[in-house]
PDB file of N, CA and C in Angstrom:
ATOM      1  N   MET A   1     130.755 138.958 104.540  1.00  0.00           N
ATOM      2  CA  MET A   1     129.922 138.518 103.426  1.00  0.00           C
ATOM      3  C   MET A   1     129.144 139.697 102.851  1.00  0.00           C
ATOM      4  N   TYR A   2     128.509 140.471 103.748  1.00  0.00           N
ATOM      5  CA  TYR A   2     127.738 141.618 103.292  1.00  0.00           C
ATOM      6  C   TYR A   2     128.632 142.614 102.560  1.00  0.00           C
ATOM      7  N   ASN A   3     129.827 142.849 103.122  1.00  0.00           N
ATOM      8  CA  ASN A   3     130.773 143.784 102.513  1.00  0.00           C
ATOM      9  C   ASN A   3     131.121 143.367 101.090  1.00  0.00           C
ATOM     10  N   GLN A   4     131.357 142.100 100.878  1.00  0.00           N
ATOM     11  CA  GLN A   4     131.708 141.598  99.547  1.00  0.00           C
ATOM     12  C   GLN A   4     130.550 141.794  98.576  1.00  0.00           C
ATOM     13  N   ALA A   5     129.354 141.547  99.028  1.00  0.00           N
ATOM     14  CA  ALA A   5     128.181 141.723  98.174  1.00  0.00           C
ATOM     15  C   ALA A   5     127.984 143.194  97.824  1.00  0.00           C
ATOM     16  N   ALA A   6     128.165 144.062  98.812  1.00  0.00           N
ATOM     17  CA  ALA A   6     128.016 145.498  98.572  1.00  0.00           C
ATOM     18  C   ALA A   6     129.071 145.991  97.591  1.00  0.00           C
ATOM     19  N   GLN A   7     130.291 145.514  97.738  1.00  0.00           N
ATOM     20  CA  GLN A   7     131.362 145.911  96.818  1.00  0.00           C
ATOM     21  C   GLN A   7     131.094 145.402  95.403  1.00  0.00           C
ATOM     22  N   ALA A   8     130.591 144.193  95.285  1.00  0.00           N
ATOM     23  CA  ALA A   8     130.263 143.645  93.962  1.00  0.00           C
ATOM     24  C   ALA A   8     129.159 144.455  93.312  1.00  0.00           C
ATOM     25  N   TYR A   9     128.146 144.821  94.082  1.00  0.00           N
ATOM     26  CA  TYR A   9     127.055 145.645  93.561  1.00  0.00           C
ATOM     27  C   TYR A   9     127.584 146.999  93.113  1.00  0.00           C
ATOM     28  N   GLN A  10     128.446 147.587  93.930  1.00  0.00           N
ATOM     29  CA  GLN A  10     129.003 148.899  93.608  1.00  0.00           C
ATOM     30  C   GLN A  10     129.815 148.834  92.316  1.00  0.00           C
ATOM     31  N   ARG A  11     130.621 147.803  92.136  1.00  0.00           N
ATOM     32  CA  ARG A  11     131.404 147.651  90.901  1.00  0.00           C
ATOM     33  C   ARG A  11     130.486 147.508  89.700  1.00  0.00           C
ATOM     34  N   THR A  12     129.435 146.720  89.836  1.00  0.00           N
ATOM     35  CA  THR A  12     128.486 146.529  88.742  1.00  0.00           C
ATOM     36  C   THR A  12     127.779 147.825  88.415  1.00  0.00           C
ATOM     37  N   GLN A  13     127.382 148.560  89.444  1.00  0.00           N
ATOM     38  CA  GLN A  13     126.701 149.830  89.230  1.00  0.00           C
ATOM     39  C   GLN A  13     127.618 150.812  88.518  1.00  0.00           C
ATOM     40  N   GLN A  14     128.891 150.857  88.894  1.00  0.00           N
ATOM     41  CA  GLN A  14     129.838 151.757  88.249  1.00  0.00           C
ATOM     42  C   GLN A  14     130.041 151.382  86.789  1.00  0.00           C
ATOM     43  N   GLN A  15     130.037 150.097  86.494  1.00  0.00           N
ATOM     44  CA  GLN A  15     130.246 149.644  85.120  1.00  0.00           C
ATOM     45  C   GLN A  15     129.036 149.912  84.243  1.00  0.00           C
ATOM     46  N   THR A  16     127.848 149.952  84.836  1.00  0.00           N
ATOM     47  CA  THR A  16     126.629 150.124  84.053  1.00  0.00           C
ATOM     48  C   THR A  16     126.021 151.515  84.203  1.00  0.00           C
ATOM     49  N   ALA A  17     126.693 152.404  84.926  1.00  0.00           N
ATOM     50  CA  ALA A  17     126.149 153.738  85.155  1.00  0.00           C
ATOM     51  C   ALA A  17     126.045 154.508  83.847  1.00  0.00           C
ATOM     52  N   ASN A  18     124.988 155.273  83.739  1.00  0.00           N
ATOM     53  CA  ASN A  18     124.789 156.150  82.615  1.00  0.00           C
ATOM     54  C   ASN A  18     125.918 157.182  82.627  1.00  0.00           C
ATOM     55  N   PRO A  19     126.632 157.365  81.510  1.00  0.00           N
ATOM     56  CA  PRO A  19     127.747 158.323  81.496  1.00  0.00           C
ATOM     57  C   PRO A  19     127.329 159.743  81.880  1.00  0.00           C
ATOM     58  N   ARG A  20     126.153 160.167  81.461  1.00  0.00           N
ATOM     59  CA  ARG A  20     125.677 161.508  81.825  1.00  0.00           C
ATOM     60  C   ARG A  20     125.465 161.625  83.327  1.00  0.00           C
ATOM     61  N   GLU A  21     124.925 160.583  83.933  1.00  0.00           N
ATOM     62  CA  GLU A  21     124.704 160.599  85.381  1.00  0.00           C
ATOM     63  C   GLU A  21     126.037 160.591  86.120  1.00  0.00           C
ATOM     64  N   LEU A  22     126.998 159.839  85.616  1.00  0.00           N
ATOM     65  CA  LEU A  22     128.320 159.811  86.233  1.00  0.00           C
ATOM     66  C   LEU A  22     128.966 161.198  86.162  1.00  0.00           C
ATOM     67  N   GLU A  23     128.892 161.834  85.002  1.00  0.00           N
ATOM     68  CA  GLU A  23     129.436 163.183  84.858  1.00  0.00           C
ATOM     69  C   GLU A  23     128.736 164.154  85.808  1.00  0.00           C
ATOM     70  N   ALA A  24     127.415 164.061  85.877  1.00  0.00           N
ATOM     71  CA  ALA A  24     126.651 164.938  86.775  1.00  0.00           C
ATOM     72  C   ALA A  24     127.064 164.706  88.223  1.00  0.00           C
ATOM     73  N   SER A  25     127.217 163.465  88.615  1.00  0.00           N
ATOM     74  CA  SER A  25     127.605 163.147  89.996  1.00  0.00           C
ATOM     75  C   SER A  25     128.989 163.695  90.330  1.00  0.00           C
ATOM     76  N   LEU A  26     129.908 163.590  89.392  1.00  0.00           N
ATOM     77  CA  LEU A  26     131.253 164.108  89.626  1.00  0.00           C
ATOM     78  C   LEU A  26     131.261 165.634  89.698  1.00  0.00           C
ATOM     79  N   LEU A  27     130.461 166.280  88.868  1.00  0.00           N
ATOM     80  CA  LEU A  27     130.357 167.739  88.933  1.00  0.00           C
ATOM     81  C   LEU A  27     129.772 168.186  90.270  1.00  0.00           C
ATOM     82  N   ILE A  28     128.773 167.461  90.753  1.00  0.00           N
ATOM     83  CA  ILE A  28     128.180 167.784  92.053  1.00  0.00           C
ATOM     84  C   ILE A  28     129.198 167.544  93.172  1.00  0.00           C
ATOM     85  N   LYS A  29     129.963 166.478  93.058  1.00  0.00           N
ATOM     86  CA  LYS A  29     130.999 166.200  94.062  1.00  0.00           C
ATOM     87  C   LYS A  29     132.021 167.337  94.092  1.00  0.00           C
ATOM     88  N   ALA A  30     132.457 167.780  92.924  1.00  0.00           N
ATOM     89  CA  ALA A  30     133.422 168.891  92.858  1.00  0.00           C
ATOM     90  C   ALA A  30     132.811 170.167  93.422  1.00  0.00           C
ATOM     91  N   ALA A  31     131.566 170.437  93.068  1.00  0.00           N
ATOM     92  CA  ALA A  31     130.884 171.632  93.584  1.00  0.00           C
ATOM     93  C   ALA A  31     130.755 171.563  95.097  1.00  0.00           C
ATOM     94  N   ALA A  32     130.439 170.399  95.619  1.00  0.00           N
ATOM     95  CA  ALA A  32     130.284 170.238  97.071  1.00  0.00           C
ATOM     96  C   ALA A  32     131.604 170.488  97.797  1.00  0.00           C
ATOM     97  N   ARG A  33     132.693 170.011  97.233  1.00  0.00           N
ATOM     98  CA  ARG A  33     133.996 170.236  97.856  1.00  0.00           C
ATOM     99  C   ARG A  33     134.335 171.725  97.870  1.00  0.00           C
ATOM    100  N   LEU A  34     134.065 172.398  96.767  1.00  0.00           N
ATOM    101  CA  LEU A  34     134.300 173.841  96.690  1.00  0.00           C
ATOM    102  C   LEU A  34     133.385 174.593  97.656  1.00  0.00           C
ATOM    103  N   GLN A  35     132.145 174.122  97.765  1.00  0.00           N
ATOM    104  CA  GLN A  35     131.162 174.760  98.660  1.00  0.00           C
ATOM    105  C   GLN A  35     131.607 174.683 100.115  1.00  0.00           C
ATOM    106  N   VAL A  36     132.139 173.539 100.510  1.00  0.00           N
ATOM    107  CA  VAL A  36     132.626 173.387 101.888  1.00  0.00           C
ATOM    108  C   VAL A  36     133.730 174.401 102.165  1.00  0.00           C
ATOM    109  N   VAL A  37     134.646 174.536 101.220  1.00  0.00           N
ATOM    110  CA  VAL A  37     135.735 175.495 101.404  1.00  0.00           C
ATOM    111  C   VAL A  37     135.172 176.910 101.503  1.00  0.00           C
ATOM    112  N   ARG A  38     134.226 177.250 100.626  1.00  0.00           N
ATOM    113  CA  ARG A  38     133.645 178.592 100.648  1.00  0.00           C
ATOM    114  C   ARG A  38     132.893 178.857 101.950  1.00  0.00           C
ATOM    115  N   ASP A  39     132.048 177.900 102.348  1.00  0.00           N
ATOM    116  CA  ASP A  39     131.206 178.092 103.530  1.00  0.00           C
ATOM    117  C   ASP A  39     131.979 178.047 104.839  1.00  0.00           C
ATOM    118  N   GLU A  40     133.067 177.316 104.867  1.00  0.00           N
ATOM    119  CA  GLU A  40     133.860 177.167 106.085  1.00  0.00           C
ATOM    120  C   GLU A  40     135.256 177.761 105.876  1.00  0.00           C
ATOM    121  N   TRP A  41     135.300 178.905 105.242  1.00  0.00           N
ATOM    122  CA  TRP A  41     136.542 179.537 104.803  1.00  0.00           C
ATOM    123  C   TRP A  41     137.600 179.612 105.902  1.00  0.00           C
ATOM    124  N   GLU A  42     137.211 180.011 107.065  1.00  0.00           N
ATOM    125  CA  GLU A  42     138.181 180.205 108.152  1.00  0.00           C
ATOM    126  C   GLU A  42     138.861 178.907 108.572  1.00  0.00           C
ATOM    127  N   THR A  43     138.165 177.799 108.461  1.00  0.00           N
ATOM    128  CA  THR A  43     138.734 176.530 108.922  1.00  0.00           C
ATOM    129  C   THR A  43     139.048 175.560 107.785  1.00  0.00           C
ATOM    130  N   ALA A  44     138.607 175.842 106.568  1.00  0.00           N
ATOM    131  CA  ALA A  44     138.772 174.888 105.465  1.00  0.00           C
ATOM    132  C   ALA A  44     139.701 175.382 104.362  1.00  0.00           C
ATOM    133  N   GLN A  45     140.396 176.478 104.584  1.00  0.00           N
ATOM    134  CA  GLN A  45     141.287 176.993 103.539  1.00  0.00           C
ATOM    135  C   GLN A  45     142.365 175.994 103.149  1.00  0.00           C
ATOM    136  N   ASP A  46     142.737 175.121 104.072  1.00  0.00           N
ATOM    137  CA  ASP A  46     143.750 174.114 103.760  1.00  0.00           C
ATOM    138  C   ASP A  46     143.253 173.114 102.717  1.00  0.00           C
ATOM    139  N   GLN A  47     141.943 173.072 102.485  1.00  0.00           N
ATOM    140  CA  GLN A  47     141.356 172.170 101.493  1.00  0.00           C
ATOM    141  C   GLN A  47     141.189 172.843 100.120  1.00  0.00           C
ATOM    142  N   LEU A  48     141.508 174.123 100.031  1.00  0.00           N
ATOM    143  CA  LEU A  48     141.286 174.883  98.795  1.00  0.00           C
ATOM    144  C   LEU A  48     142.039 174.291  97.617  1.00  0.00           C
ATOM    145  N   HIS A  49     143.323 174.082  97.760  1.00  0.00           N
ATOM    146  CA  HIS A  49     144.130 173.585  96.644  1.00  0.00           C
ATOM    147  C   HIS A  49     143.619 172.235  96.157  1.00  0.00           C
ATOM    148  N   GLU A  50     143.307 171.360  97.092  1.00  0.00           N
ATOM    149  CA  GLU A  50     142.815 170.027  96.729  1.00  0.00           C
ATOM    150  C   GLU A  50     141.466 170.107  95.994  1.00  0.00           C
ATOM    151  N   ALA A  51     140.571 170.960  96.467  1.00  0.00           N
ATOM    152  CA  ALA A  51     139.253 171.106  95.831  1.00  0.00           C
ATOM    153  C   ALA A  51     139.388 171.705  94.430  1.00  0.00           C
ATOM    154  N   ILE A  52     140.238 172.706  94.293  1.00  0.00           N
ATOM    155  CA  ILE A  52     140.466 173.321  92.978  1.00  0.00           C
ATOM    156  C   ILE A  52     141.109 172.318  92.024  1.00  0.00           C
ATOM    157  N   THR A  53     142.081 171.570  92.511  1.00  0.00           N
ATOM    158  CA  THR A  53     142.756 170.577  91.673  1.00  0.00           C
ATOM    159  C   THR A  53     141.789 169.499  91.201  1.00  0.00           C
ATOM    160  N   PHE A  54     140.937 169.011  92.094  1.00  0.00           N
ATOM    161  CA  PHE A  54     139.931 168.006  91.712  1.00  0.00           C
ATOM    162  C   PHE A  54     139.035 168.570  90.610  1.00  0.00           C
ATOM    163  N   ASN A  55     138.577 169.794  90.788  1.00  0.00           N
ATOM    164  CA  ASN A  55     137.680 170.414  89.811  1.00  0.00           C
ATOM    165  C   ASN A  55     138.385 170.601  88.461  1.00  0.00           C
ATOM    166  N   ARG A  56     139.632 171.056  88.494  1.00  0.00           N
ATOM    167  CA  ARG A  56     140.383 171.245  87.239  1.00  0.00           C
ATOM    168  C   ARG A  56     140.597 169.925  86.519  1.00  0.00           C
ATOM    169  N   LYS A  57     140.938 168.881  87.247  1.00  0.00           N
ATOM    170  CA  LYS A  57     141.127 167.566  86.616  1.00  0.00           C
ATOM    171  C   LYS A  57     139.831 167.090  85.977  1.00  0.00           C
ATOM    172  N   LEU A  58     138.738 167.262  86.699  1.00  0.00           N
ATOM    173  CA  LEU A  58     137.435 166.860  86.168  1.00  0.00           C
ATOM    174  C   LEU A  58     137.130 167.624  84.884  1.00  0.00           C
ATOM    175  N   TRP A  59     137.319 168.924  84.898  1.00  0.00           N
ATOM    176  CA  TRP A  59     137.039 169.738  83.709  1.00  0.00           C
ATOM    177  C   TRP A  59     138.003 169.437  82.569  1.00  0.00           C
ATOM    178  N   THR A  60     139.217 169.044  82.874  1.00  0.00           N
ATOM    179  CA  THR A  60     140.155 168.637  81.818  1.00  0.00           C
ATOM    180  C   THR A  60     139.612 167.413  81.095  1.00  0.00           C
ATOM    181  N   ILE A  61     139.123 166.454  81.865  1.00  0.00           N
ATOM    182  CA  ILE A  61     138.566 165.234  81.277  1.00  0.00           C
ATOM    183  C   ILE A  61     137.293 165.550  80.494  1.00  0.00           C
ATOM    184  N   LEU A  62     136.395 166.330  81.087  1.00  0.00           N
ATOM    185  CA  LEU A  62     135.141 166.673  80.406  1.00  0.00           C
ATOM    186  C   LEU A  62     135.396 167.423  79.103  1.00  0.00           C
ATOM    187  N   ALA A  63     136.262 168.420  79.147  1.00  0.00           N
ATOM    188  CA  ALA A  63     136.533 169.236  77.965  1.00  0.00           C
ATOM    189  C   ALA A  63     137.229 168.418  76.881  1.00  0.00           C
ATOM    190  N   THR A  64     138.177 167.584  77.279  1.00  0.00           N
ATOM    191  CA  THR A  64     138.891 166.756  76.310  1.00  0.00           C
ATOM    192  C   THR A  64     137.929 165.800  75.613  1.00  0.00           C
ATOM    193  N   SER A  65     137.061 165.190  76.384  1.00  0.00           N
ATOM    194  CA  SER A  65     136.087 164.254  75.823  1.00  0.00           C
ATOM    195  C   SER A  65     135.063 164.961  74.943  1.00  0.00           C
ATOM    196  N   ALA A  66     134.531 166.070  75.434  1.00  0.00           N
ATOM    197  CA  ALA A  66     133.472 166.773  74.708  1.00  0.00           C
ATOM    198  C   ALA A  66     133.964 167.389  73.415  1.00  0.00           C
ATOM    199  N   THR A  67     135.199 167.844  73.382  1.00  0.00           N
ATOM    200  CA  THR A  67     135.702 168.529  72.188  1.00  0.00           C
ATOM    201  C   THR A  67     136.447 167.601  71.235  1.00  0.00           C
ATOM    202  N   ASP A  68     136.504 166.329  71.557  1.00  0.00           N
ATOM    203  CA  ASP A  68     137.152 165.354  70.686  1.00  0.00           C
ATOM    204  C   ASP A  68     136.461 165.332  69.324  1.00  0.00           C
ATOM    205  N   ALA A  69     137.242 165.183  68.278  1.00  0.00           N
ATOM    206  CA  ALA A  69     136.689 165.161  66.914  1.00  0.00           C
ATOM    207  C   ALA A  69     135.675 164.038  66.723  1.00  0.00           C
ATOM    208  N   GLU A  70     135.837 162.947  67.446  1.00  0.00           N
ATOM    209  CA  GLU A  70     134.923 161.801  67.326  1.00  0.00           C
ATOM    210  C   GLU A  70     133.623 161.993  68.099  1.00  0.00           C
ATOM    211  N   ASN A  71     133.573 162.972  68.972  1.00  0.00           N
ATOM    212  CA  ASN A  71     132.365 163.203  69.765  1.00  0.00           C
ATOM    213  C   ASN A  71     131.272 163.763  68.860  1.00  0.00           C
ATOM    214  N   PRO A  72     130.073 163.172  68.909  1.00  0.00           N
ATOM    215  CA  PRO A  72     128.995 163.598  68.011  1.00  0.00           C
ATOM    216  C   PRO A  72     128.257 164.872  68.425  1.00  0.00           C
ATOM    217  N   LEU A  73     128.682 165.525  69.495  1.00  0.00           N
ATOM    218  CA  LEU A  73     128.018 166.759  69.911  1.00  0.00           C
ATOM    219  C   LEU A  73     128.103 167.811  68.814  1.00  0.00           C
ATOM    220  N   PRO A  74     127.104 168.658  68.716  1.00  0.00           N
ATOM    221  CA  PRO A  74     127.160 169.757  67.745  1.00  0.00           C
ATOM    222  C   PRO A  74     128.352 170.672  68.049  1.00  0.00           C
ATOM    223  N   ILE A  75     128.916 171.277  67.025  1.00  0.00           N
ATOM    224  CA  ILE A  75     130.092 172.122  67.172  1.00  0.00           C
ATOM    225  C   ILE A  75     129.876 173.248  68.169  1.00  0.00           C
ATOM    226  N   GLU A  76     128.666 173.816  68.206  1.00  0.00           N
ATOM    227  CA  GLU A  76     128.381 174.901  69.143  1.00  0.00           C
ATOM    228  C   GLU A  76     128.492 174.429  70.585  1.00  0.00           C
ATOM    229  N   VAL A  77     128.016 173.243  70.861  1.00  0.00           N
ATOM    230  CA  VAL A  77     128.096 172.676  72.211  1.00  0.00           C
ATOM    231  C   VAL A  77     129.559 172.414  72.570  1.00  0.00           C
ATOM    232  N   LYS A  78     130.307 171.866  71.631  1.00  0.00           N
ATOM    233  CA  LYS A  78     131.733 171.625  71.870  1.00  0.00           C
ATOM    234  C   LYS A  78     132.452 172.930  72.189  1.00  0.00           C
ATOM    235  N   GLN A  79     132.152 173.969  71.426  1.00  0.00           N
ATOM    236  CA  GLN A  79     132.783 175.268  71.657  1.00  0.00           C
ATOM    237  C   GLN A  79     132.398 175.837  73.019  1.00  0.00           C
ATOM    238  N   ASN A  80     131.131 175.703  73.384  1.00  0.00           N
ATOM    239  CA  ASN A  80     130.682 176.200  74.686  1.00  0.00           C
ATOM    240  C   ASN A  80     131.370 175.472  75.838  1.00  0.00           C
ATOM    241  N   ILE A  81     131.502 174.173  75.717  1.00  0.00           N
ATOM    242  CA  ILE A  81     132.174 173.404  76.768  1.00  0.00           C
ATOM    243  C   ILE A  81     133.648 173.789  76.828  1.00  0.00           C
ATOM    244  N   GLY A  82     134.272 173.941  75.668  1.00  0.00           N
ATOM    245  CA  GLY A  82     135.663 174.380  75.636  1.00  0.00           C
ATOM    246  C   GLY A  82     135.840 175.749  76.271  1.00  0.00           C
ATOM    247  N   ASN A  83     134.931 176.674  75.967  1.00  0.00           N
ATOM    248  CA  ASN A  83     135.001 178.019  76.555  1.00  0.00           C
ATOM    249  C   ASN A  83     134.786 177.980  78.066  1.00  0.00           C
ATOM    250  N   LEU A  84     133.851 177.153  78.513  1.00  0.00           N
ATOM    251  CA  LEU A  84     133.639 177.003  79.959  1.00  0.00           C
ATOM    252  C   LEU A  84     134.897 176.460  80.638  1.00  0.00           C
ATOM    253  N   ALA A  85     135.520 175.479  80.001  1.00  0.00           N
ATOM    254  CA  ALA A  85     136.737 174.899  80.576  1.00  0.00           C
ATOM    255  C   ALA A  85     137.840 175.941  80.685  1.00  0.00           C
ATOM    256  N   VAL A  86     137.993 176.771  79.664  1.00  0.00           N
ATOM    257  CA  VAL A  86     139.005 177.833  79.714  1.00  0.00           C
ATOM    258  C   VAL A  86     138.700 178.780  80.871  1.00  0.00           C
ATOM    259  N   PHE A  87     137.421 179.129  81.045  1.00  0.00           N
ATOM    260  CA  PHE A  87     137.046 179.984  82.169  1.00  0.00           C
ATOM    261  C   PHE A  87     137.351 179.306  83.499  1.00  0.00           C
ATOM    262  N   ILE A  88     137.001 178.033  83.618  1.00  0.00           N
ATOM    263  CA  ILE A  88     137.249 177.271  84.851  1.00  0.00           C
ATOM    264  C   ILE A  88     138.739 177.298  85.182  1.00  0.00           C
ATOM    265  N   PHE A  89     139.574 177.052  84.177  1.00  0.00           N
ATOM    266  CA  PHE A  89     141.014 177.010  84.416  1.00  0.00           C
ATOM    267  C   PHE A  89     141.549 178.377  84.822  1.00  0.00           C
ATOM    268  N   SER A  90     141.129 179.424  84.133  1.00  0.00           N
ATOM    269  CA  SER A  90     141.642 180.759  84.465  1.00  0.00           C
ATOM    270  C   SER A  90     141.117 181.231  85.829  1.00  0.00           C
ATOM    271  N   GLN A  91     139.849 180.965  86.115  1.00  0.00           N
ATOM    272  CA  GLN A  91     139.286 181.343  87.419  1.00  0.00           C
ATOM    273  C   GLN A  91     139.977 180.565  88.541  1.00  0.00           C
ATOM    274  N   SER A  92     140.292 179.312  88.291  1.00  0.00           N
ATOM    275  CA  SER A  92     140.996 178.499  89.292  1.00  0.00           C
ATOM    276  C   SER A  92     142.349 179.111  89.627  1.00  0.00           C
ATOM    277  N   MET A  93     143.068 179.557  88.614  1.00  0.00           N
ATOM    278  CA  MET A  93     144.371 180.178  88.845  1.00  0.00           C
ATOM    279  C   MET A  93     144.215 181.490  89.603  1.00  0.00           C
ATOM    280  N   ARG A  94     143.185 182.278  89.262  1.00  0.00           N
ATOM    281  CA  ARG A  94     142.943 183.530  89.993  1.00  0.00           C
ATOM    282  C   ARG A  94     142.661 183.247  91.467  1.00  0.00           C
ATOM    283  N   ILE A  95     141.890 182.209  91.720  1.00  0.00           N
ATOM    284  CA  ILE A  95     141.556 181.857  93.108  1.00  0.00           C
ATOM    285  C   ILE A  95     142.802 181.420  93.874  1.00  0.00           C
ATOM    286  N   LEU A  96     143.626 180.617  93.233  1.00  0.00           N
ATOM    287  CA  LEU A  96     144.816 180.129  93.923  1.00  0.00           C
ATOM    288  C   LEU A  96     145.835 181.233  94.161  1.00  0.00           C
ATOM    289  N   THR A  97     145.900 182.217  93.271  1.00  0.00           N
ATOM    290  CA  THR A  97     146.870 183.299  93.460  1.00  0.00           C
ATOM    291  C   THR A  97     146.349 184.407  94.367  1.00  0.00           C
ATOM    292  N   ASN A  98     145.023 184.527  94.463  1.00  0.00           N
ATOM    293  CA  ASN A  98     144.425 185.543  95.320  1.00  0.00           C
ATOM    294  C   ASN A  98     143.161 184.949  95.953  1.00  0.00           C
ATOM    295  N   PRO A  99     143.333 184.063  96.931  1.00  0.00           N
ATOM    296  CA  PRO A  99     142.195 183.342  97.514  1.00  0.00           C
ATOM    297  C   PRO A  99     141.169 184.260  98.188  1.00  0.00           C
ATOM    298  N   ALA A 100     139.922 183.977  97.896  1.00  0.00           N
ATOM    299  CA  ALA A 100     138.793 184.653  98.542  1.00  0.00           C
ATOM    300  C   ALA A 100     137.579 183.743  98.377  1.00  0.00           C
ATOM    301  N   PRO A 101     136.789 183.570  99.423  1.00  0.00           N
ATOM    302  CA  PRO A 101     135.675 182.619  99.356  1.00  0.00           C
ATOM    303  C   PRO A 101     134.663 182.945  98.256  1.00  0.00           C
ATOM    304  N   GLU A 102     134.382 184.225  98.034  1.00  0.00           N
ATOM    305  CA  GLU A 102     133.377 184.587  97.032  1.00  0.00           C
ATOM    306  C   GLU A 102     133.814 184.232  95.614  1.00  0.00           C
ATOM    307  N   ARG A 103     135.093 184.065  95.377  1.00  0.00           N
ATOM    308  CA  ARG A 103     135.583 183.697  94.047  1.00  0.00           C
ATOM    309  C   ARG A 103     135.209 182.259  93.668  1.00  0.00           C
ATOM    310  N   LEU A 104     134.876 181.459  94.655  1.00  0.00           N
ATOM    311  CA  LEU A 104     134.492 180.067  94.393  1.00  0.00           C
ATOM    312  C   LEU A 104     133.068 179.948  93.849  1.00  0.00           C
ATOM    313  N   THR A 105     132.263 180.972  94.047  1.00  0.00           N
ATOM    314  CA  THR A 105     130.846 180.902  93.690  1.00  0.00           C
ATOM    315  C   THR A 105     130.629 180.574  92.217  1.00  0.00           C
ATOM    316  N   SER A 106     131.384 181.193  91.331  1.00  0.00           N
ATOM    317  CA  SER A 106     131.181 180.941  89.902  1.00  0.00           C
ATOM    318  C   SER A 106     131.467 179.483  89.546  1.00  0.00           C
ATOM    319  N   LEU A 107     132.514 178.901  90.122  1.00  0.00           N
ATOM    320  CA  LEU A 107     132.830 177.501  89.846  1.00  0.00           C
ATOM    321  C   LEU A 107     131.734 176.573  90.362  1.00  0.00           C
ATOM    322  N   ILE A 108     131.260 176.865  91.558  1.00  0.00           N
ATOM    323  CA  ILE A 108     130.200 176.054  92.166  1.00  0.00           C
ATOM    324  C   ILE A 108     128.935 176.131  91.311  1.00  0.00           C
ATOM    325  N   THR A 109     128.571 177.326  90.899  1.00  0.00           N
ATOM    326  CA  THR A 109     127.352 177.537  90.106  1.00  0.00           C
ATOM    327  C   THR A 109     127.435 176.844  88.751  1.00  0.00           C
ATOM    328  N   ILE A 110     128.569 176.977  88.082  1.00  0.00           N
ATOM    329  CA  ILE A 110     128.738 176.320  86.772  1.00  0.00           C
ATOM    330  C   ILE A 110     128.596 174.814  86.919  1.00  0.00           C
ATOM    331  N   ASN A 111     129.289 174.232  87.888  1.00  0.00           N
ATOM    332  CA  ASN A 111     129.204 172.779  88.082  1.00  0.00           C
ATOM    333  C   ASN A 111     127.779 172.337  88.365  1.00  0.00           C
ATOM    334  N   ALA A 112     127.092 173.052  89.244  1.00  0.00           N
ATOM    335  CA  ALA A 112     125.717 172.676  89.598  1.00  0.00           C
ATOM    336  C   ALA A 112     124.787 172.798  88.398  1.00  0.00           C
ATOM    337  N   ASN A 113     124.944 173.854  87.613  1.00  0.00           N
ATOM    338  CA  ASN A 113     124.073 174.040  86.445  1.00  0.00           C
ATOM    339  C   ASN A 113     124.333 173.005  85.357  1.00  0.00           C
ATOM    340  N   ILE A 114     125.584 172.690  85.112  1.00  0.00           N
ATOM    341  CA  ILE A 114     125.900 171.674  84.105  1.00  0.00           C
ATOM    342  C   ILE A 114     125.400 170.303  84.580  1.00  0.00           C
ATOM    343  N   ALA A 115     125.565 170.013  85.847  1.00  0.00           N
ATOM    344  CA  ALA A 115     125.063 168.741  86.394  1.00  0.00           C
ATOM    345  C   ALA A 115     123.547 168.660  86.248  1.00  0.00           C
ATOM    346  N   ALA A 116     122.862 169.752  86.542  1.00  0.00           N
ATOM    347  CA  ALA A 116     121.400 169.759  86.399  1.00  0.00           C
ATOM    348  C   ALA A 116     121.002 169.524  84.945  1.00  0.00           C
ATOM    349  N   GLY A 117     121.718 170.146  84.027  1.00  0.00           N
ATOM    350  CA  GLY A 117     121.436 169.938  82.613  1.00  0.00           C
ATOM    351  C   GLY A 117     121.663 168.499  82.189  1.00  0.00           C
ATOM    352  N   LEU A 118     122.734 167.905  82.680  1.00  0.00           N
ATOM    353  CA  LEU A 118     123.027 166.497  82.347  1.00  0.00           C
ATOM    354  C   LEU A 118     121.946 165.567  82.882  1.00  0.00           C
ATOM    355  N   ARG A 119     121.386 165.942  84.009  1.00  0.00           N
ATOM    356  CA  ARG A 119     120.324 165.135  84.613  1.00  0.00           C
ATOM    357  C   ARG A 119     118.947 165.486  84.047  1.00  0.00           C
ATOM    358  N   GLY A 120     118.897 166.475  83.179  1.00  0.00           N
ATOM    359  CA  GLY A 120     117.620 166.852  82.573  1.00  0.00           C
ATOM    360  C   GLY A 120     116.741 167.669  83.486  1.00  0.00           C
ATOM    361  N   SER A 121     117.370 168.292  84.507  1.00  0.00           N
ATOM    362  CA  SER A 121     116.561 169.078  85.452  1.00  0.00           C
ATOM    363  C   SER A 121     116.945 170.539  85.439  1.00  0.00           C
ATOM    364  N   ALA A 122     117.512 170.997  84.324  1.00  0.00           N
ATOM    365  CA  ALA A 122     117.887 172.412  84.224  1.00  0.00           C
ATOM    366  C   ALA A 122     116.625 173.253  84.103  1.00  0.00           C
ATOM    367  N   GLY A 123     116.736 174.467  84.598  1.00  0.00           N
ATOM    368  CA  GLY A 123     115.624 175.364  84.400  1.00  0.00           C
ATOM    369  C   GLY A 123     115.203 176.064  85.567  1.00  0.00           C
TER     370      GLY A 123
END
C-alpha cells in the first residue's frame, strides 16, 4: 500500500515539476556520475562510457530545446547554449579517445554551474 502511494506521489511530482528544476536535477545527476568516474578512476573506468553517453544525451536534449526557433530565449542565450553543447560533444569525444580523469573536470564544472544558474543560485 505504501509503495503504491509513494509511486503515485512520485508520478504526480514528475508531472508537476518545474522544468528548470528538472533540468538542473538532470545536470547534477550527470555531473555526479562523471565525478564518481573521476574520483574513483582506478576502479570506475568501466563506467566512463556510460557516464559520458548520459551527459551527451542530456546535452543533446537541452541544446535542441534551447535553440529551437519556438523557444523564447534571447538569441545570445541560444547561441551560448549551442556553443556549450558543441564543446561538451567535442570534449566528450576527446575523453573517450584519450581517457584521463582530469579531462572530466570541465564537463562536471559546466553541468554544476548551469544547474546552479537554473536554480537561481549562481554566483
